[in-house]
Protein backbone atom coordinates (compact mmCIF):
# COMPACT_ATOMS: atom_id res chain seq x y z
CA UNK A 1 0.03 0.03 -0.16
CA UNK A 2 2.91 2.25 1.14
CA UNK A 3 4.43 1.53 -2.61
CA UNK A 4 1.43 2.56 -3.97
CA UNK A 5 0.53 6.24 -2.34
CA UNK A 6 4.86 6.61 -3.80
CA UNK A 7 4.10 5.49 -7.04
CA UNK A 8 0.84 7.97 -7.30
CA UNK A 9 2.82 10.71 -5.36
CA UNK A 10 5.75 10.28 -7.66
CA UNK A 11 3.57 9.90 -10.70
CA UNK A 12 1.77 13.65 -9.92
CA UNK A 13 5.37 15.05 -9.56
CA UNK A 14 6.34 13.93 -12.94
CA UNK A 15 3.37 16.00 -14.14
CA UNK A 16 4.22 18.95 -12.19
CA UNK A 17 7.43 19.33 -10.61
CA UNK A 18 10.81 19.59 -12.65
CA UNK A 19 12.14 16.77 -13.80
CA UNK A 20 15.62 16.92 -11.70
CA UNK A 21 12.95 16.84 -8.42
CA UNK A 22 11.29 13.95 -9.72
CA UNK A 23 14.86 12.03 -10.33
CA UNK A 24 16.03 13.05 -6.95
CA UNK A 25 12.67 11.71 -5.36
CA UNK A 26 13.10 8.67 -7.22
CA UNK A 27 16.64 8.28 -6.34
CA UNK A 28 15.67 8.42 -2.35
CA UNK A 29 12.52 5.82 -3.47
CA UNK A 30 15.52 3.22 -5.23
CA UNK A 31 16.76 2.57 -1.69
CA UNK A 32 14.07 2.48 -0.33
CA UNK A 33 12.33 -0.03 -1.31
CA UNK A 34 13.22 -3.78 -2.38
CA UNK A 35 13.28 -3.56 -6.23
CA UNK A 36 12.05 0.08 -6.75
CA UNK A 37 11.73 -0.12 -10.79
CA UNK A 38 8.73 2.22 -11.17
CA UNK A 39 10.54 4.90 -11.55
CA UNK A 40 12.02 3.97 -15.10
CA UNK A 41 8.06 3.80 -16.21
CA UNK A 42 7.52 7.04 -14.91
CA UNK A 43 10.53 8.72 -16.81
CA UNK A 44 8.78 7.11 -19.75
CA UNK A 45 5.90 8.71 -19.01
CA UNK A 46 7.85 12.25 -18.34
CA UNK A 47 9.23 11.56 -21.64
CA UNK A 48 6.79 10.88 -23.46
CA UNK A 49 4.71 13.86 -22.16
CA UNK A 50 7.25 16.44 -21.95
CA UNK A 51 10.51 15.30 -23.98
CA UNK A 52 11.64 16.80 -27.36
CA UNK A 53 14.02 15.98 -29.60
CA UNK A 54 17.52 17.82 -28.54
CA UNK A 55 19.98 18.04 -31.60
CA UNK A 56 22.94 17.51 -28.83
CA UNK A 57 21.58 14.92 -28.33
CA UNK A 58 21.62 13.48 -32.04
CA UNK A 59 17.56 14.65 -31.90
CA UNK A 60 17.04 11.74 -29.52
CA UNK A 61 13.93 12.18 -27.23
CA UNK A 62 14.45 9.91 -24.28
CA UNK A 63 17.40 11.06 -22.43
CA UNK A 64 15.24 10.48 -19.05
CA UNK A 65 14.20 7.80 -19.62
CA UNK A 66 17.78 6.34 -20.55
CA UNK A 67 19.38 8.60 -17.80
CA UNK A 68 16.73 6.65 -15.73
CA UNK A 69 17.88 3.11 -17.28
CA UNK A 70 21.53 3.86 -16.57
CA UNK A 71 20.91 5.58 -12.89
CA UNK A 72 18.97 2.19 -11.99
CA UNK A 73 22.43 0.02 -13.26
CA UNK A 74 24.49 2.48 -11.30
CA UNK A 75 22.30 1.92 -7.98
CA UNK A 76 21.46 -1.14 -7.88
CA UNK A 77 25.36 -1.31 -7.93
CA UNK A 78 25.81 1.14 -5.05
CA UNK A 79 22.79 -0.53 -3.53
CA UNK A 80 24.27 -4.57 -3.13
CA UNK A 81 27.79 -2.22 -1.88
CA UNK A 82 25.81 -0.78 0.79
CA UNK A 83 23.85 -3.97 1.63
CA UNK A 84 20.83 -1.97 2.17
């Protein structure tokens, strides 16, 4: 139930707040819950909602989603090292 509320809150944040604040909140939730992969879906939602092709990324639209996948791998590695 708490995880569902956290997901709904993060979806609301993705619709209303800047991307960096949502990403910071998702990073905190990643360490709170056992396997928190929902933030990759929320990043995809945010990219579909607000994403625009950026010339500096070769007109790639899903920059936040790619960053979320990268952070997921990084946080998984860090979480295993911390033994949390």
